[in-house]
Amino acid sequence: MLTAALWFLLEELGMKKIYYHTHESGAFLKRISGANPSRSLYTTLPKQFCFEKARTAPTLLQSDKLWKRKVRAAKTPLEFFQMAV
């Protein structure tokens, strides 16, 4: 599924930088409490697809008016996986 999504983003939409949230940042941004998705989706899988960990957020999130407030409210730094093509 991730291969198909990456192909679509690269070939059809022409994106040059792709972000994938980490287990912690995804749960925080989606306001998931209780049972989180499998951690391997956010640890093993990104490494297999050559994503690198970064503390920079996608431009879409950074342009959000409430982004700085959300970053301050997080207990840990919000990290993302990034792939630059």
PDB file of N, CA and C in Angstrom:
ATOM      1  N   MET A   1       0.826  -1.182   0.000  1.00  0.00           N
ATOM      2  CA  MET A   1       0.000   0.000   0.000  1.00  0.00           C
ATOM      3  C   MET A   1       0.879   1.259   0.000  1.00  0.00           C
ATOM      4  N   LEU A   2       1.942   1.240   0.814  1.00  0.00           N
ATOM      5  CA  LEU A   2       2.825   2.407   0.864  1.00  0.00           C
ATOM      6  C   LEU A   2       3.531   2.618  -0.469  1.00  0.00           C
ATOM      7  N   THR A   3       3.897   1.538  -1.136  1.00  0.00           N
ATOM      8  CA  THR A   3       4.539   1.651  -2.450  1.00  0.00           C
ATOM      9  C   THR A   3       3.618   2.352  -3.433  1.00  0.00           C
ATOM     10  N   ALA A   4       2.354   1.980  -3.439  1.00  0.00           N
ATOM     11  CA  ALA A   4       1.388   2.605  -4.344  1.00  0.00           C
ATOM     12  C   ALA A   4       1.193   4.079  -4.000  1.00  0.00           C
ATOM     13  N   ALA A   5       1.129   4.383  -2.715  1.00  0.00           N
ATOM     14  CA  ALA A   5       0.959   5.779  -2.303  1.00  0.00           C
ATOM     15  C   ALA A   5       2.173   6.612  -2.689  1.00  0.00           C
ATOM     16  N   LEU A   6       3.371   6.065  -2.497  1.00  0.00           N
ATOM     17  CA  LEU A   6       4.585   6.800  -2.875  1.00  0.00           C
ATOM     18  C   LEU A   6       4.658   7.002  -4.381  1.00  0.00           C
ATOM     19  N   TRP A   7       4.313   5.971  -5.144  1.00  0.00           N
ATOM     20  CA  TRP A   7       4.301   6.113  -6.601  1.00  0.00           C
ATOM     21  C   TRP A   7       3.360   7.235  -7.023  1.00  0.00           C
ATOM     22  N   PHE A   8       2.158   7.259  -6.454  1.00  0.00           N
ATOM     23  CA  PHE A   8       1.180   8.288  -6.797  1.00  0.00           C
ATOM     24  C   PHE A   8       1.706   9.682  -6.455  1.00  0.00           C
ATOM     25  N   LEU A   9       2.276   9.833  -5.269  1.00  0.00           N
ATOM     26  CA  LEU A   9       2.801  11.136  -4.860  1.00  0.00           C
ATOM     27  C   LEU A   9       3.943  11.597  -5.750  1.00  0.00           C
ATOM     28  N   LEU A  10       4.820  10.681  -6.131  1.00  0.00           N
ATOM     29  CA  LEU A  10       5.976  11.034  -6.959  1.00  0.00           C
ATOM     30  C   LEU A  10       5.614  11.221  -8.430  1.00  0.00           C
ATOM     31  N   GLU A  11       4.934  10.245  -8.995  1.00  0.00           N
ATOM     32  CA  GLU A  11       4.676  10.246 -10.438  1.00  0.00           C
ATOM     33  C   GLU A  11       3.475  11.093 -10.858  1.00  0.00           C
ATOM     34  N   GLU A  12       2.402  11.001 -10.132  1.00  0.00           N
ATOM     35  CA  GLU A  12       1.182  11.701 -10.531  1.00  0.00           C
ATOM     36  C   GLU A  12       1.126  13.138  -9.999  1.00  0.00           C
ATOM     37  N   LEU A  13       1.533  13.326  -8.757  1.00  0.00           N
ATOM     38  CA  LEU A  13       1.465  14.664  -8.161  1.00  0.00           C
ATOM     39  C   LEU A  13       2.777  15.428  -8.261  1.00  0.00           C
ATOM     40  N   GLY A  14       3.874  14.724  -8.559  1.00  0.00           N
ATOM     41  CA  GLY A  14       5.164  15.377  -8.747  1.00  0.00           C
ATOM     42  C   GLY A  14       5.776  15.933  -7.464  1.00  0.00           C
ATOM     43  N   MET A  15       5.434  15.357  -6.335  1.00  0.00           N
ATOM     44  CA  MET A  15       5.986  15.851  -5.074  1.00  0.00           C
ATOM     45  C   MET A  15       7.450  15.441  -4.965  1.00  0.00           C
ATOM     46  N   LYS A  16       8.256  16.334  -4.431  1.00  0.00           N
ATOM     47  CA  LYS A  16       9.691  16.075  -4.293  1.00  0.00           C
ATOM     48  C   LYS A  16      10.086  15.773  -2.855  1.00  0.00           C
ATOM     49  N   LYS A  17       9.239  16.112  -1.908  1.00  0.00           N
ATOM     50  CA  LYS A  17       9.514  15.871  -0.498  1.00  0.00           C
ATOM     51  C   LYS A  17       8.266  15.252   0.126  1.00  0.00           C
ATOM     52  N   ILE A  18       8.459  14.074   0.725  1.00  0.00           N
ATOM     53  CA  ILE A  18       7.331  13.344   1.291  1.00  0.00           C
ATOM     54  C   ILE A  18       7.579  13.143   2.785  1.00  0.00           C
ATOM     55  N   TYR A  19       6.553  13.375   3.584  1.00  0.00           N
ATOM     56  CA  TYR A  19       6.650  13.227   5.037  1.00  0.00           C
ATOM     57  C   TYR A  19       5.774  12.080   5.499  1.00  0.00           C
ATOM     58  N   TYR A  20       6.213  11.455   6.592  1.00  0.00           N
ATOM     59  CA  TYR A  20       5.507  10.334   7.206  1.00  0.00           C
ATOM     60  C   TYR A  20       5.648  10.557   8.708  1.00  0.00           C
ATOM     61  N   HIS A  21       4.569  10.642   9.431  1.00  0.00           N
ATOM     62  CA  HIS A  21       4.691  10.969  10.858  1.00  0.00           C
ATOM     63  C   HIS A  21       5.211   9.779  11.647  1.00  0.00           C
ATOM     64  N   THR A  22       5.801  10.053  12.798  1.00  0.00           N
ATOM     65  CA  THR A  22       6.271   8.993  13.683  1.00  0.00           C
ATOM     66  C   THR A  22       5.088   8.480  14.505  1.00  0.00           C
ATOM     67  N   HIS A  23       5.328   7.425  15.225  1.00  0.00           N
ATOM     68  CA  HIS A  23       4.272   6.830  16.070  1.00  0.00           C
ATOM     69  C   HIS A  23       3.742   7.860  17.065  1.00  0.00           C
ATOM     70  N   GLU A  24       4.656   8.565  17.721  1.00  0.00           N
ATOM     71  CA  GLU A  24       4.261   9.531  18.743  1.00  0.00           C
ATOM     72  C   GLU A  24       3.597  10.765  18.146  1.00  0.00           C
ATOM     73  N   SER A  25       4.189  11.318  17.082  1.00  0.00           N
ATOM     74  CA  SER A  25       3.612  12.529  16.505  1.00  0.00           C
ATOM     75  C   SER A  25       2.256  12.247  15.856  1.00  0.00           C
ATOM     76  N   GLY A  26       2.105  11.074  15.264  1.00  0.00           N
ATOM     77  CA  GLY A  26       0.824  10.711  14.671  1.00  0.00           C
ATOM     78  C   GLY A  26      -0.274  10.593  15.716  1.00  0.00           C
ATOM     79  N   ALA A  27       0.039   9.926  16.826  1.00  0.00           N
ATOM     80  CA  ALA A  27      -0.949   9.778  17.895  1.00  0.00           C
ATOM     81  C   ALA A  27      -1.309  11.137  18.480  1.00  0.00           C
ATOM     82  N   PHE A  28      -0.319  12.019  18.632  1.00  0.00           N
ATOM     83  CA  PHE A  28      -0.581  13.345  19.183  1.00  0.00           C
ATOM     84  C   PHE A  28      -1.432  14.186  18.223  1.00  0.00           C
ATOM     85  N   LEU A  29      -1.048  14.225  16.958  1.00  0.00           N
ATOM     86  CA  LEU A  29      -1.769  15.063  15.997  1.00  0.00           C
ATOM     87  C   LEU A  29      -3.178  14.551  15.709  1.00  0.00           C
ATOM     88  N   LYS A  30      -3.358  13.235  15.761  1.00  0.00           N
ATOM     89  CA  LYS A  30      -4.680  12.652  15.512  1.00  0.00           C
ATOM     90  C   LYS A  30      -5.513  12.545  16.776  1.00  0.00           C
ATOM     91  N   ARG A  31      -4.930  12.937  17.903  1.00  0.00           N
ATOM     92  CA  ARG A  31      -5.594  12.879  19.208  1.00  0.00           C
ATOM     93  C   ARG A  31      -6.069  11.467  19.548  1.00  0.00           C
ATOM     94  N   ILE A  32      -5.201  10.502  19.288  1.00  0.00           N
ATOM     95  CA  ILE A  32      -5.516   9.107  19.596  1.00  0.00           C
ATOM     96  C   ILE A  32      -5.183   8.853  21.056  1.00  0.00           C
ATOM     97  N   SER A  33      -6.133   8.393  21.795  1.00  0.00           N
ATOM     98  CA  SER A  33      -5.883   8.005  23.177  1.00  0.00           C
ATOM     99  C   SER A  33      -6.251   6.535  23.308  1.00  0.00           C
ATOM    100  N   GLY A  34      -5.573   5.868  24.182  1.00  0.00           N
ATOM    101  CA  GLY A  34      -5.829   4.441  24.336  1.00  0.00           C
ATOM    102  C   GLY A  34      -4.932   3.630  23.426  1.00  0.00           C
ATOM    103  N   ALA A  35      -5.504   2.701  22.695  1.00  0.00           N
ATOM    104  CA  ALA A  35      -4.729   1.793  21.837  1.00  0.00           C
ATOM    105  C   ALA A  35      -4.279   2.501  20.565  1.00  0.00           C
ATOM    106  N   ASN A  36      -2.969   2.611  20.405  1.00  0.00           N
ATOM    107  CA  ASN A  36      -2.390   3.209  19.194  1.00  0.00           C
ATOM    108  C   ASN A  36      -2.188   2.142  18.131  1.00  0.00           C
ATOM    109  N   PRO A  37      -2.013   2.537  16.874  1.00  0.00           N
ATOM    110  CA  PRO A  37      -1.689   1.570  15.820  1.00  0.00           C
ATOM    111  C   PRO A  37      -0.353   0.882  16.104  1.00  0.00           C
ATOM    112  N   SER A  38      -0.093  -0.178  15.418  1.00  0.00           N
ATOM    113  CA  SER A  38       1.136  -0.943  15.595  1.00  0.00           C
ATOM    114  C   SER A  38       2.368  -0.050  15.419  1.00  0.00           C
ATOM    115  N   ARG A  39       3.298  -0.131  16.358  1.00  0.00           N
ATOM    116  CA  ARG A  39       4.506   0.695  16.321  1.00  0.00           C
ATOM    117  C   ARG A  39       5.376   0.380  15.099  1.00  0.00           C
ATOM    118  N   SER A  40       5.348  -0.863  14.613  1.00  0.00           N
ATOM    119  CA  SER A  40       6.194  -1.239  13.475  1.00  0.00           C
ATOM    120  C   SER A  40       5.840  -0.461  12.209  1.00  0.00           C
ATOM    121  N   LEU A  41       4.592  -0.008  12.110  1.00  0.00           N
ATOM    122  CA  LEU A  41       4.217   0.829  10.962  1.00  0.00           C
ATOM    123  C   LEU A  41       5.005   2.134  10.939  1.00  0.00           C
ATOM    124  N   TYR A  42       5.494   2.543  12.095  1.00  0.00           N
ATOM    125  CA  TYR A  42       6.180   3.825  12.214  1.00  0.00           C
ATOM    126  C   TYR A  42       7.650   3.684  12.579  1.00  0.00           C
ATOM    127  N   THR A  43       8.172   2.464  12.611  1.00  0.00           N
ATOM    128  CA  THR A  43       9.594   2.274  12.887  1.00  0.00           C
ATOM    129  C   THR A  43      10.249   1.475  11.760  1.00  0.00           C
ATOM    130  N   THR A  44       9.808   0.249  11.572  1.00  0.00           N
ATOM    131  CA  THR A  44      10.410  -0.628  10.570  1.00  0.00           C
ATOM    132  C   THR A  44      10.081  -0.197   9.146  1.00  0.00           C
ATOM    133  N   LEU A  45       8.836   0.068   8.886  1.00  0.00           N
ATOM    134  CA  LEU A  45       8.392   0.386   7.524  1.00  0.00           C
ATOM    135  C   LEU A  45       9.069   1.627   6.937  1.00  0.00           C
ATOM    136  N   PRO A  46       9.147   2.743   7.650  1.00  0.00           N
ATOM    137  CA  PRO A  46       9.823   3.910   7.069  1.00  0.00           C
ATOM    138  C   PRO A  46      11.295   3.648   6.736  1.00  0.00           C
ATOM    139  N   LYS A  47      11.974   2.860   7.552  1.00  0.00           N
ATOM    140  CA  LYS A  47      13.381   2.535   7.279  1.00  0.00           C
ATOM    141  C   LYS A  47      13.505   1.705   6.012  1.00  0.00           C
ATOM    142  N   GLN A  48      12.562   0.794   5.783  1.00  0.00           N
ATOM    143  CA  GLN A  48      12.587  -0.040   4.584  1.00  0.00           C
ATOM    144  C   GLN A  48      12.383   0.789   3.314  1.00  0.00           C
ATOM    145  N   PHE A  49      11.729   1.926   3.451  1.00  0.00           N
ATOM    146  CA  PHE A  49      11.474   2.788   2.302  1.00  0.00           C
ATOM    147  C   PHE A  49      12.417   3.993   2.259  1.00  0.00           C
ATOM    148  N   CYS A  50      13.486   3.945   3.053  1.00  0.00           N
ATOM    149  CA  CYS A  50      14.554   4.970   3.047  1.00  0.00           C
ATOM    150  C   CYS A  50      14.100   6.347   3.524  1.00  0.00           C
ATOM    151  N   PHE A  51      13.132   6.397   4.416  1.00  0.00           N
ATOM    152  CA  PHE A  51      12.780   7.662   5.051  1.00  0.00           C
ATOM    153  C   PHE A  51      13.830   7.954   6.121  1.00  0.00           C
ATOM    154  N   GLU A  52      14.105   9.230   6.353  1.00  0.00           N
ATOM    155  CA  GLU A  52      15.034   9.650   7.390  1.00  0.00           C
ATOM    156  C   GLU A  52      14.281  10.473   8.414  1.00  0.00           C
ATOM    157  N   LYS A  53      14.652  10.323   9.681  1.00  0.00           N
ATOM    158  CA  LYS A  53      13.983  11.070  10.742  1.00  0.00           C
ATOM    159  C   LYS A  53      14.396  12.538  10.688  1.00  0.00           C
ATOM    160  N   ALA A  54      13.424  13.426  10.868  1.00  0.00           N
ATOM    161  CA  ALA A  54      13.690  14.863  10.852  1.00  0.00           C
ATOM    162  C   ALA A  54      12.758  15.561  11.831  1.00  0.00           C
ATOM    163  N   ARG A  55      13.194  16.688  12.330  1.00  0.00           N
ATOM    164  CA  ARG A  55      12.338  17.468  13.235  1.00  0.00           C
ATOM    165  C   ARG A  55      11.578  18.559  12.490  1.00  0.00           C
ATOM    166  N   THR A  56      11.785  18.671  11.208  1.00  0.00           N
ATOM    167  CA  THR A  56      11.032  19.655  10.438  1.00  0.00           C
ATOM    168  C   THR A  56       9.691  19.054  10.056  1.00  0.00           C
ATOM    169  N   ALA A  57       8.678  19.860  10.163  1.00  0.00           N
ATOM    170  CA  ALA A  57       7.317  19.423   9.838  1.00  0.00           C
ATOM    171  C   ALA A  57       6.990  19.802   8.399  1.00  0.00           C
ATOM    172  N   PRO A  58       6.011  19.155   7.811  1.00  0.00           N
ATOM    173  CA  PRO A  58       5.570  19.525   6.474  1.00  0.00           C
ATOM    174  C   PRO A  58       5.104  20.983   6.436  1.00  0.00           C
ATOM    175  N   THR A  59       5.297  21.629   5.316  1.00  0.00           N
ATOM    176  CA  THR A  59       4.914  23.031   5.148  1.00  0.00           C
ATOM    177  C   THR A  59       3.438  23.236   5.446  1.00  0.00           C
ATOM    178  N   LEU A  60       2.628  22.274   5.077  1.00  0.00           N
ATOM    179  CA  LEU A  60       1.187  22.366   5.329  1.00  0.00           C
ATOM    180  C   LEU A  60       0.903  22.540   6.816  1.00  0.00           C
ATOM    181  N   LEU A  61       1.614  21.784   7.661  1.00  0.00           N
ATOM    182  CA  LEU A  61       1.421  21.919   9.105  1.00  0.00           C
ATOM    183  C   LEU A  61       2.019  23.220   9.636  1.00  0.00           C
ATOM    184  N   GLN A  62       3.187  23.580   9.144  1.00  0.00           N
ATOM    185  CA  GLN A  62       3.840  24.798   9.614  1.00  0.00           C
ATOM    186  C   GLN A  62       3.024  26.043   9.294  1.00  0.00           C
ATOM    187  N   SER A  63       2.255  26.003   8.220  1.00  0.00           N
ATOM    188  CA  SER A  63       1.435  27.159   7.853  1.00  0.00           C
ATOM    189  C   SER A  63       0.135  27.248   8.658  1.00  0.00           C
ATOM    190  N   ASP A  64      -0.170  26.209   9.428  1.00  0.00           N
ATOM    191  CA  ASP A  64      -1.354  26.207  10.286  1.00  0.00           C
ATOM    192  C   ASP A  64      -1.184  27.244  11.392  1.00  0.00           C
ATOM    193  N   LYS A  65      -2.186  28.045  11.624  1.00  0.00           N
ATOM    194  CA  LYS A  65      -2.122  29.108  12.625  1.00  0.00           C
ATOM    195  C   LYS A  65      -1.895  28.561  14.035  1.00  0.00           C
ATOM    196  N   LEU A  66      -2.375  27.376  14.310  1.00  0.00           N
ATOM    197  CA  LEU A  66      -2.267  26.796  15.647  1.00  0.00           C
ATOM    198  C   LEU A  66      -1.062  25.866  15.805  1.00  0.00           C
ATOM    199  N   TRP A  67      -0.214  25.752  14.793  1.00  0.00           N
ATOM    200  CA  TRP A  67       0.890  24.808  14.819  1.00  0.00           C
ATOM    201  C   TRP A  67       1.838  25.040  16.001  1.00  0.00           C
ATOM    202  N   LYS A  68       2.246  26.291  16.213  1.00  0.00           N
ATOM    203  CA  LYS A  68       3.184  26.575  17.302  1.00  0.00           C
ATOM    204  C   LYS A  68       2.589  26.206  18.657  1.00  0.00           C
ATOM    205  N   ARG A  69       1.313  26.419  18.815  1.00  0.00           N
ATOM    206  CA  ARG A  69       0.640  26.053  20.060  1.00  0.00           C
ATOM    207  C   ARG A  69       0.628  24.530  20.231  1.00  0.00           C
ATOM    208  N   LYS A  70       0.391  23.806  19.145  1.00  0.00           N
ATOM    209  CA  LYS A  70       0.385  22.347  19.208  1.00  0.00           C
ATOM    210  C   LYS A  70       1.774  21.811  19.546  1.00  0.00           C
ATOM    211  N   VAL A  71       2.807  22.418  18.980  1.00  0.00           N
ATOM    212  CA  VAL A  71       4.179  21.978  19.255  1.00  0.00           C
ATOM    213  C   VAL A  71       4.518  22.188  20.719  1.00  0.00           C
ATOM    214  N   ARG A  72       4.120  23.318  21.269  1.00  0.00           N
ATOM    215  CA  ARG A  72       4.379  23.585  22.694  1.00  0.00           C
ATOM    216  C   ARG A  72       3.597  22.628  23.597  1.00  0.00           C
ATOM    217  N   ALA A  73       2.415  22.221  23.174  1.00  0.00           N
ATOM    218  CA  ALA A  73       1.567  21.336  23.986  1.00  0.00           C
ATOM    219  C   ALA A  73       2.066  19.887  23.980  1.00  0.00           C
ATOM    220  N   ALA A  74       2.874  19.537  22.999  1.00  0.00           N
ATOM    221  CA  ALA A  74       3.383  18.165  22.917  1.00  0.00           C
ATOM    222  C   ALA A  74       4.384  17.910  24.044  1.00  0.00           C
ATOM    223  N   LYS A  75       4.321  16.723  24.631  1.00  0.00           N
ATOM    224  CA  LYS A  75       5.229  16.381  25.721  1.00  0.00           C
ATOM    225  C   LYS A  75       6.638  16.073  25.211  1.00  0.00           C
ATOM    226  N   THR A  76       6.728  15.570  23.996  1.00  0.00           N
ATOM    227  CA  THR A  76       8.017  15.283  23.366  1.00  0.00           C
ATOM    228  C   THR A  76       8.092  16.037  22.048  1.00  0.00           C
ATOM    229  N   PRO A  77       9.289  16.295  21.539  1.00  0.00           N
ATOM    230  CA  PRO A  77       9.394  16.976  20.244  1.00  0.00           C
ATOM    231  C   PRO A  77       8.686  16.184  19.148  1.00  0.00           C
ATOM    232  N   LEU A  78       7.966  16.882  18.299  1.00  0.00           N
ATOM    233  CA  LEU A  78       7.264  16.222  17.202  1.00  0.00           C
ATOM    234  C   LEU A  78       8.248  15.961  16.075  1.00  0.00           C
ATOM    235  N   GLU A  79       8.423  14.687  15.755  1.00  0.00           N
ATOM    236  CA  GLU A  79       9.337  14.296  14.690  1.00  0.00           C
ATOM    237  C   GLU A  79       8.548  13.670  13.548  1.00  0.00           C
ATOM    238  N   PHE A  80       9.134  13.728  12.374  1.00  0.00           N
ATOM    239  CA  PHE A  80       8.536  13.156  11.186  1.00  0.00           C
ATOM    240  C   PHE A  80       9.612  12.388  10.435  1.00  0.00           C
ATOM    241  N   PHE A  81       9.204  11.476   9.588  1.00  0.00           N
ATOM    242  CA  PHE A  81      10.115  10.848   8.654  1.00  0.00           C
ATOM    243  C   PHE A  81      10.010  11.636   7.358  1.00  0.00           C
ATOM    244  N   GLN A  82      11.117  11.819   6.689  1.00  0.00           N
ATOM    245  CA  GLN A  82      11.140  12.642   5.477  1.00  0.00           C
ATOM    246  C   GLN A  82      11.875  11.898   4.376  1.00  0.00           C
ATOM    247  N   MET A  83      11.363  11.997   3.165  1.00  0.00           N
ATOM    248  CA  MET A  83      12.028  11.441   1.989  1.00  0.00           C
ATOM    249  C   MET A  83      12.113  12.553   0.949  1.00  0.00           C
ATOM    250  N   ALA A  84      13.307  12.881   0.550  1.00  0.00           N
ATOM    251  CA  ALA A  84      13.501  13.885  -0.488  1.00  0.00           C
ATOM    252  C   ALA A  84      13.960  13.172  -1.753  1.00  0.00           C
ATOM    253  N   VAL A  85      13.271  13.447  -2.844  1.00  0.00           N
ATOM    254  CA  VAL A  85      13.591  12.791  -4.119  1.00  0.00           C
ATOM    255  C   VAL A  85      14.219  13.775  -5.057  1.00  0.00           C
TER     256      VAL A  85
END
